[in-house]
Amino acid sequence: MLRLRIQRTTWPRPALILTDTPHPDCPQCEGYGGTTRHYGHPETGEYDGTDWEPCTCWDETRRWVLLPLPRRTPPGGYSDEPPF
């Protein structure tokens, strides 16, 4: 079942999108949508970064554009770029 919300995105262009959200009661990710795994440098063992592993309870690529937004606000505060 989809759990949809409206979000603002800036890539590939500014827009309001409708997107899926992680399941809030997921036993694997506890509603965060994925888990992080810290790893160390193979030779020194020092912290070297973090990997993000998405959970199967949602699909972060499932999104639909609702309204394209202007790329930037002109000095006058109004835009003539479609759809405005």
PDB file of N, CA and C in Angstrom:
ATOM      1  N   MET A   1       0.843  -1.182   0.000  1.00  0.00           N
ATOM      2  CA  MET A   1       0.000   0.000   0.000  1.00  0.00           C
ATOM      3  C   MET A   1       0.884   1.240   0.000  1.00  0.00           C
ATOM      4  N   LEU A   2       0.539   2.216  -0.807  1.00  0.00           N
ATOM      5  CA  LEU A   2       1.323   3.440  -0.888  1.00  0.00           C
ATOM      6  C   LEU A   2       1.053   4.360   0.293  1.00  0.00           C
ATOM      7  N   ARG A   3       2.093   5.004   0.770  1.00  0.00           N
ATOM      8  CA  ARG A   3       2.004   6.035   1.797  1.00  0.00           C
ATOM      9  C   ARG A   3       2.586   7.287   1.155  1.00  0.00           C
ATOM     10  N   LEU A   4       1.723   8.124   0.609  1.00  0.00           N
ATOM     11  CA  LEU A   4       2.174   9.245  -0.216  1.00  0.00           C
ATOM     12  C   LEU A   4       2.291  10.529   0.588  1.00  0.00           C
ATOM     13  N   ARG A   5       3.210  11.395   0.136  1.00  0.00           N
ATOM     14  CA  ARG A   5       3.338  12.737   0.712  1.00  0.00           C
ATOM     15  C   ARG A   5       3.819  13.684  -0.377  1.00  0.00           C
ATOM     16  N   ILE A   6       3.594  14.949  -0.164  1.00  0.00           N
ATOM     17  CA  ILE A   6       4.047  15.974  -1.105  1.00  0.00           C
ATOM     18  C   ILE A   6       5.395  16.482  -0.631  1.00  0.00           C
ATOM     19  N   GLN A   7       6.331  16.608  -1.567  1.00  0.00           N
ATOM     20  CA  GLN A   7       7.690  17.053  -1.259  1.00  0.00           C
ATOM     21  C   GLN A   7       8.146  18.041  -2.312  1.00  0.00           C
ATOM     22  N   ARG A   8       9.090  18.901  -1.955  1.00  0.00           N
ATOM     23  CA  ARG A   8       9.713  19.807  -2.921  1.00  0.00           C
ATOM     24  C   ARG A   8      11.052  19.217  -3.315  1.00  0.00           C
ATOM     25  N   THR A   9      11.320  19.194  -4.607  1.00  0.00           N
ATOM     26  CA  THR A   9      12.589  18.682  -5.097  1.00  0.00           C
ATOM     27  C   THR A   9      13.276  19.762  -5.920  1.00  0.00           C
ATOM     28  N   THR A  10      14.587  19.657  -6.037  1.00  0.00           N
ATOM     29  CA  THR A  10      15.336  20.648  -6.825  1.00  0.00           C
ATOM     30  C   THR A  10      16.039  20.028  -8.019  1.00  0.00           C
ATOM     31  N   TRP A  11      15.944  18.692  -8.157  1.00  0.00           N
ATOM     32  CA  TRP A  11      16.630  18.051  -9.269  1.00  0.00           C
ATOM     33  C   TRP A  11      15.683  17.136 -10.003  1.00  0.00           C
ATOM     34  N   PRO A  12      15.577  17.082 -11.279  1.00  0.00           N
ATOM     35  CA  PRO A  12      16.380  17.806 -12.259  1.00  0.00           C
ATOM     36  C   PRO A  12      15.969  19.261 -12.408  1.00  0.00           C
ATOM     37  N   ARG A  13      14.800  19.629 -11.907  1.00  0.00           N
ATOM     38  CA  ARG A  13      14.390  21.025 -11.842  1.00  0.00           C
ATOM     39  C   ARG A  13      13.461  21.162 -10.650  1.00  0.00           C
ATOM     40  N   PRO A  14      13.292  22.371 -10.114  1.00  0.00           N
ATOM     41  CA  PRO A  14      12.406  22.542  -8.959  1.00  0.00           C
ATOM     42  C   PRO A  14      10.973  22.121  -9.283  1.00  0.00           C
ATOM     43  N   ALA A  15      10.364  21.390  -8.369  1.00  0.00           N
ATOM     44  CA  ALA A  15       8.992  20.932  -8.571  1.00  0.00           C
ATOM     45  C   ALA A  15       8.418  20.435  -7.254  1.00  0.00           C
ATOM     46  N   LEU A  16       7.094  20.391  -7.192  1.00  0.00           N
ATOM     47  CA  LEU A  16       6.408  19.698  -6.118  1.00  0.00           C
ATOM     48  C   LEU A  16       6.110  18.304  -6.636  1.00  0.00           C
ATOM     49  N   ILE A  17       6.471  17.294  -5.849  1.00  0.00           N
ATOM     50  CA  ILE A  17       6.282  15.917  -6.287  1.00  0.00           C
ATOM     51  C   ILE A  17       5.458  15.154  -5.261  1.00  0.00           C
ATOM     52  N   LEU A  18       4.808  14.119  -5.714  1.00  0.00           N
ATOM     53  CA  LEU A  18       4.116  13.188  -4.854  1.00  0.00           C
ATOM     54  C   LEU A  18       5.005  11.953  -4.775  1.00  0.00           C
ATOM     55  N   THR A  19       5.399  11.570  -3.571  1.00  0.00           N
ATOM     56  CA  THR A  19       6.368  10.491  -3.419  1.00  0.00           C
ATOM     57  C   THR A  19       5.921   9.484  -2.363  1.00  0.00           C
ATOM     58  N   ASP A  20       6.404   8.275  -2.502  1.00  0.00           N
ATOM     59  CA  ASP A  20       6.144   7.203  -1.551  1.00  0.00           C
ATOM     60  C   ASP A  20       7.016   7.412  -0.312  1.00  0.00           C
ATOM     61  N   THR A  21       6.555   6.961   0.835  1.00  0.00           N
ATOM     62  CA  THR A  21       7.327   7.068   2.076  1.00  0.00           C
ATOM     63  C   THR A  21       7.525   5.674   2.670  1.00  0.00           C
ATOM     64  N   PRO A  22       8.535   5.497   3.495  1.00  0.00           N
ATOM     65  CA  PRO A  22       8.757   4.188   4.127  1.00  0.00           C
ATOM     66  C   PRO A  22       7.588   3.807   5.042  1.00  0.00           C
ATOM     67  N   HIS A  23       7.404   2.511   5.223  1.00  0.00           N
ATOM     68  CA  HIS A  23       6.355   2.020   6.111  1.00  0.00           C
ATOM     69  C   HIS A  23       6.747   2.341   7.551  1.00  0.00           C
ATOM     70  N   PRO A  24       5.894   3.039   8.312  1.00  0.00           N
ATOM     71  CA  PRO A  24       6.293   3.466   9.666  1.00  0.00           C
ATOM     72  C   PRO A  24       6.512   2.318  10.647  1.00  0.00           C
ATOM     73  N   ASP A  25       5.910   1.164  10.424  1.00  0.00           N
ATOM     74  CA  ASP A  25       6.048   0.041  11.360  1.00  0.00           C
ATOM     75  C   ASP A  25       6.930  -1.072  10.810  1.00  0.00           C
ATOM     76  N   CYS A  26       7.817  -0.753   9.880  1.00  0.00           N
ATOM     77  CA  CYS A  26       8.683  -1.771   9.275  1.00  0.00           C
ATOM     78  C   CYS A  26       9.652  -2.307  10.329  1.00  0.00           C
ATOM     79  N   PRO A  27       9.724  -3.636  10.500  1.00  0.00           N
ATOM     80  CA  PRO A  27      10.638  -4.192  11.501  1.00  0.00           C
ATOM     81  C   PRO A  27      12.109  -4.113  11.099  1.00  0.00           C
ATOM     82  N   GLN A  28      12.396  -3.963   9.797  1.00  0.00           N
ATOM     83  CA  GLN A  28      13.793  -3.911   9.356  1.00  0.00           C
ATOM     84  C   GLN A  28      14.400  -2.518   9.534  1.00  0.00           C
ATOM     85  N   CYS A  29      13.668  -1.482   9.086  1.00  0.00           N
ATOM     86  CA  CYS A  29      14.246  -0.128   9.114  1.00  0.00           C
ATOM     87  C   CYS A  29      13.596   0.778  10.145  1.00  0.00           C
ATOM     88  N   GLU A  30      12.552   0.308  10.817  1.00  0.00           N
ATOM     89  CA  GLU A  30      11.838   1.067  11.844  1.00  0.00           C
ATOM     90  C   GLU A  30      11.287   2.388  11.308  1.00  0.00           C
ATOM     91  N   GLY A  31      10.916   2.415  10.020  1.00  0.00           N
ATOM     92  CA  GLY A  31      10.298   3.600   9.437  1.00  0.00           C
ATOM     93  C   GLY A  31      11.259   4.609   8.838  1.00  0.00           C
ATOM     94  N   TYR A  32      12.559   4.326   8.856  1.00  0.00           N
ATOM     95  CA  TYR A  32      13.543   5.262   8.308  1.00  0.00           C
ATOM     96  C   TYR A  32      13.775   5.066   6.811  1.00  0.00           C
ATOM     97  N   GLY A  33      13.366   3.950   6.262  1.00  0.00           N
ATOM     98  CA  GLY A  33      13.531   3.712   4.834  1.00  0.00           C
ATOM     99  C   GLY A  33      14.809   2.996   4.460  1.00  0.00           C
ATOM    100  N   GLY A  34      15.631   2.720   5.422  1.00  0.00           N
ATOM    101  CA  GLY A  34      16.878   2.029   5.151  1.00  0.00           C
ATOM    102  C   GLY A  34      17.743   1.982   6.397  1.00  0.00           C
ATOM    103  N   THR A  35      18.897   1.376   6.255  1.00  0.00           N
ATOM    104  CA  THR A  35      19.824   1.288   7.373  1.00  0.00           C
ATOM    105  C   THR A  35      21.193   1.789   6.933  1.00  0.00           C
ATOM    106  N   THR A  36      21.934   2.297   7.891  1.00  0.00           N
ATOM    107  CA  THR A  36      23.293   2.751   7.608  1.00  0.00           C
ATOM    108  C   THR A  36      24.277   1.723   8.134  1.00  0.00           C
ATOM    109  N   ARG A  37      25.392   1.630   7.446  1.00  0.00           N
ATOM    110  CA  ARG A  37      26.449   0.712   7.864  1.00  0.00           C
ATOM    111  C   ARG A  37      27.758   1.474   7.781  1.00  0.00           C
ATOM    112  N   HIS A  38      28.404   1.650   8.920  1.00  0.00           N
ATOM    113  CA  HIS A  38      29.690   2.332   8.966  1.00  0.00           C
ATOM    114  C   HIS A  38      30.787   1.328   8.632  1.00  0.00           C
ATOM    115  N   TYR A  39      31.793   1.796   7.946  1.00  0.00           N
ATOM    116  CA  TYR A  39      32.899   0.897   7.620  1.00  0.00           C
ATOM    117  C   TYR A  39      34.223   1.623   7.823  1.00  0.00           C
ATOM    118  N   GLY A  40      35.259   0.834   8.038  1.00  0.00           N
ATOM    119  CA  GLY A  40      36.576   1.386   8.290  1.00  0.00           C
ATOM    120  C   GLY A  40      37.523   1.142   7.131  1.00  0.00           C
ATOM    121  N   HIS A  41      38.630   1.851   7.155  1.00  0.00           N
ATOM    122  CA  HIS A  41      39.667   1.685   6.144  1.00  0.00           C
ATOM    123  C   HIS A  41      40.272   0.301   6.303  1.00  0.00           C
ATOM    124  N   PRO A  42      40.484  -0.438   5.190  1.00  0.00           N
ATOM    125  CA  PRO A  42      40.967  -1.821   5.308  1.00  0.00           C
ATOM    126  C   PRO A  42      42.342  -1.949   5.962  1.00  0.00           C
ATOM    127  N   GLU A  43      43.192  -0.945   5.837  1.00  0.00           N
ATOM    128  CA  GLU A  43      44.542  -1.062   6.397  1.00  0.00           C
ATOM    129  C   GLU A  43      44.641  -0.504   7.808  1.00  0.00           C
ATOM    130  N   THR A  44      43.993   0.643   8.051  1.00  0.00           N
ATOM    131  CA  THR A  44      44.152   1.290   9.353  1.00  0.00           C
ATOM    132  C   THR A  44      43.016   1.003  10.313  1.00  0.00           C
ATOM    133  N   GLY A  45      41.846   0.636   9.778  1.00  0.00           N
ATOM    134  CA  GLY A  45      40.702   0.400  10.650  1.00  0.00           C
ATOM    135  C   GLY A  45      39.992   1.668  11.069  1.00  0.00           C
ATOM    136  N   GLU A  46      40.512   2.829  10.647  1.00  0.00           N
ATOM    137  CA  GLU A  46      39.875   4.106  10.979  1.00  0.00           C
ATOM    138  C   GLU A  46      38.574   4.252  10.189  1.00  0.00           C
ATOM    139  N   TYR A  47      37.663   5.058  10.719  1.00  0.00           N
ATOM    140  CA  TYR A  47      36.389   5.315  10.048  1.00  0.00           C
ATOM    141  C   TYR A  47      36.650   5.837   8.639  1.00  0.00           C
ATOM    142  N   ASP A  48      35.977   5.237   7.640  1.00  0.00           N
ATOM    143  CA  ASP A  48      36.215   5.615   6.249  1.00  0.00           C
ATOM    144  C   ASP A  48      34.935   6.025   5.526  1.00  0.00           C
ATOM    145  N   GLY A  49      33.785   5.839   6.132  1.00  0.00           N
ATOM    146  CA  GLY A  49      32.541   6.257   5.495  1.00  0.00           C
ATOM    147  C   GLY A  49      31.343   5.469   5.990  1.00  0.00           C
ATOM    148  N   THR A  50      30.213   5.747   5.378  1.00  0.00           N
ATOM    149  CA  THR A  50      28.957   5.103   5.730  1.00  0.00           C
ATOM    150  C   THR A  50      28.222   4.716   4.462  1.00  0.00           C
ATOM    151  N   ASP A  51      27.699   3.515   4.425  1.00  0.00           N
ATOM    152  CA  ASP A  51      26.871   3.050   3.313  1.00  0.00           C
ATOM    153  C   ASP A  51      25.405   3.134   3.716  1.00  0.00           C
ATOM    154  N   TRP A  52      24.553   3.477   2.764  1.00  0.00           N
ATOM    155  CA  TRP A  52      23.108   3.519   2.969  1.00  0.00           C
ATOM    156  C   TRP A  52      22.504   2.363   2.194  1.00  0.00           C
ATOM    157  N   GLU A  53      21.792   1.504   2.878  1.00  0.00           N
ATOM    158  CA  GLU A  53      21.125   0.382   2.242  1.00  0.00           C
ATOM    159  C   GLU A  53      19.626   0.595   2.355  1.00  0.00           C
ATOM    160  N   PRO A  54      18.942   0.900   1.222  1.00  0.00           N
ATOM    161  CA  PRO A  54      17.496   1.135   1.282  1.00  0.00           C
ATOM    162  C   PRO A  54      16.733  -0.133   1.660  1.00  0.00           C
ATOM    163  N   CYS A  55      15.621   0.061   2.328  1.00  0.00           N
ATOM    164  CA  CYS A  55      14.778  -1.047   2.770  1.00  0.00           C
ATOM    165  C   CYS A  55      13.801  -1.441   1.652  1.00  0.00           C
ATOM    166  N   THR A  56      13.289  -2.647   1.732  1.00  0.00           N
ATOM    167  CA  THR A  56      12.338  -3.123   0.726  1.00  0.00           C
ATOM    168  C   THR A  56      10.917  -2.632   0.989  1.00  0.00           C
ATOM    169  N   CYS A  57      10.681  -1.907   2.078  1.00  0.00           N
ATOM    170  CA  CYS A  57       9.321  -1.460   2.398  1.00  0.00           C
ATOM    171  C   CYS A  57       8.900  -0.237   1.591  1.00  0.00           C
ATOM    172  N   TRP A  58       9.787   0.313   0.779  1.00  0.00           N
ATOM    173  CA  TRP A  58       9.427   1.465  -0.049  1.00  0.00           C
ATOM    174  C   TRP A  58      10.335   1.533  -1.253  1.00  0.00           C
ATOM    175  N   ASP A  59       9.920   2.323  -2.213  1.00  0.00           N
ATOM    176  CA  ASP A  59      10.689   2.506  -3.442  1.00  0.00           C
ATOM    177  C   ASP A  59      10.948   4.006  -3.583  1.00  0.00           C
ATOM    178  N   GLU A  60      12.181   4.426  -3.327  1.00  0.00           N
ATOM    179  CA  GLU A  60      12.492   5.852  -3.342  1.00  0.00           C
ATOM    180  C   GLU A  60      12.448   6.459  -4.745  1.00  0.00           C
ATOM    181  N   THR A  61      12.354   5.631  -5.776  1.00  0.00           N
ATOM    182  CA  THR A  61      12.255   6.160  -7.143  1.00  0.00           C
ATOM    183  C   THR A  61      10.808   6.349  -7.570  1.00  0.00           C
ATOM    184  N   ARG A  62       9.853   5.949  -6.759  1.00  0.00           N
ATOM    185  CA  ARG A  62       8.440   6.096  -7.090  1.00  0.00           C
ATOM    186  C   ARG A  62       7.996   7.519  -6.745  1.00  0.00           C
ATOM    187  N   ARG A  63       7.926   8.373  -7.772  1.00  0.00           N
ATOM    188  CA  ARG A  63       7.534   9.769  -7.565  1.00  0.00           C
ATOM    189  C   ARG A  63       6.894  10.316  -8.827  1.00  0.00           C
ATOM    190  N   TRP A  64       5.983  11.240  -8.627  1.00  0.00           N
ATOM    191  CA  TRP A  64       5.263  11.859  -9.733  1.00  0.00           C
ATOM    192  C   TRP A  64       5.302  13.367  -9.553  1.00  0.00           C
ATOM    193  N   VAL A  65       5.597  14.086 -10.634  1.00  0.00           N
ATOM    194  CA  VAL A  65       5.646  15.552 -10.594  1.00  0.00           C
ATOM    195  C   VAL A  65       4.219  16.079 -10.584  1.00  0.00           C
ATOM    196  N   LEU A  66       3.903  16.913  -9.592  1.00  0.00           N
ATOM    197  CA  LEU A  66       2.595  17.535  -9.502  1.00  0.00           C
ATOM    198  C   LEU A  66       2.588  18.922 -10.127  1.00  0.00           C
ATOM    199  N   LEU A  67       3.641  19.691  -9.825  1.00  0.00           N
ATOM    200  CA  LEU A  67       3.684  21.075 -10.282  1.00  0.00           C
ATOM    201  C   LEU A  67       5.132  21.517 -10.461  1.00  0.00           C
ATOM    202  N   PRO A  68       5.549  21.791 -11.706  1.00  0.00           N
ATOM    203  CA  PRO A  68       6.893  22.337 -11.897  1.00  0.00           C
ATOM    204  C   PRO A  68       6.960  23.747 -11.299  1.00  0.00           C
ATOM    205  N   LEU A  69       8.063  24.071 -10.676  1.00  0.00           N
ATOM    206  CA  LEU A  69       8.251  25.387 -10.066  1.00  0.00           C
ATOM    207  C   LEU A  69       9.253  26.189 -10.873  1.00  0.00           C
ATOM    208  N   PRO A  70       9.216  27.519 -10.786  1.00  0.00           N
ATOM    209  CA  PRO A  70      10.207  28.329 -11.503  1.00  0.00           C
ATOM    210  C   PRO A  70      11.616  27.991 -11.036  1.00  0.00           C
ATOM    211  N   ARG A  71      12.568  28.087 -11.942  1.00  0.00           N
ATOM    212  CA  ARG A  71      13.957  27.757 -11.605  1.00  0.00           C
ATOM    213  C   ARG A  71      14.557  28.742 -10.611  1.00  0.00           C
ATOM    214  N   ARG A  72      14.160  29.959 -10.693  1.00  0.00           N
ATOM    215  CA  ARG A  72      14.642  30.960  -9.732  1.00  0.00           C
ATOM    216  C   ARG A  72      13.632  32.092  -9.661  1.00  0.00           C
ATOM    217  N   THR A  73      13.670  32.846  -8.583  1.00  0.00           N
ATOM    218  CA  THR A  73      12.779  33.991  -8.437  1.00  0.00           C
ATOM    219  C   THR A  73      13.490  35.231  -8.962  1.00  0.00           C
ATOM    220  N   PRO A  74      12.901  35.912  -9.943  1.00  0.00           N
ATOM    221  CA  PRO A  74      13.536  37.123 -10.463  1.00  0.00           C
ATOM    222  C   PRO A  74      13.517  38.243  -9.430  1.00  0.00           C
ATOM    223  N   PRO A  75      14.295  39.308  -9.654  1.00  0.00           N
ATOM    224  CA  PRO A  75      14.385  40.401  -8.688  1.00  0.00           C
ATOM    225  C   PRO A  75      13.032  41.013  -8.330  1.00  0.00           C
ATOM    226  N   GLY A  76      12.079  41.068  -9.265  1.00  0.00           N
ATOM    227  CA  GLY A  76      10.776  41.639  -8.970  1.00  0.00           C
ATOM    228  C   GLY A  76       9.898  40.740  -8.115  1.00  0.00           C
ATOM    229  N   GLY A  77      10.269  39.480  -7.958  1.00  0.00           N
ATOM    230  CA  GLY A  77       9.525  38.556  -7.138  1.00  0.00           C
ATOM    231  C   GLY A  77       8.511  37.729  -7.916  1.00  0.00           C
ATOM    232  N   TYR A  78       8.342  37.979  -9.205  1.00  0.00           N
ATOM    233  CA  TYR A  78       7.389  37.226 -10.003  1.00  0.00           C
ATOM    234  C   TYR A  78       8.114  36.539 -11.139  1.00  0.00           C
ATOM    235  N   SER A  79       7.566  35.433 -11.583  1.00  0.00           N
ATOM    236  CA  SER A  79       8.166  34.691 -12.678  1.00  0.00           C
ATOM    237  C   SER A  79       7.159  34.541 -13.799  1.00  0.00           C
ATOM    238  N   ASP A  80       7.638  34.649 -15.039  1.00  0.00           N
ATOM    239  CA  ASP A  80       6.747  34.407 -16.171  1.00  0.00           C
ATOM    240  C   ASP A  80       7.030  33.041 -16.799  1.00  0.00           C
ATOM    241  N   GLU A  81       7.842  32.229 -16.089  1.00  0.00           N
ATOM    242  CA  GLU A  81       8.138  30.880 -16.572  1.00  0.00           C
ATOM    243  C   GLU A  81       6.924  29.981 -16.330  1.00  0.00           C
ATOM    244  N   PRO A  82       6.509  29.161 -17.310  1.00  0.00           N
ATOM    245  CA  PRO A  82       5.345  28.304 -17.112  1.00  0.00           C
ATOM    246  C   PRO A  82       5.552  27.401 -15.908  1.00  0.00           C
ATOM    247  N   PRO A  83       4.514  27.089 -15.178  1.00  0.00           N
ATOM    248  CA  PRO A  83       3.101  27.313 -15.369  1.00  0.00           C
ATOM    249  C   PRO A  83       2.586  28.607 -14.770  1.00  0.00           C
ATOM    250  N   PHE A  84       3.420  29.561 -14.450  1.00  0.00           N
ATOM    251  CA  PHE A  84       2.969  30.786 -13.795  1.00  0.00           C
ATOM    252  C   PHE A  84       2.758  31.906 -14.769  1.00  0.00           C
TER     253      PHE A  84
END
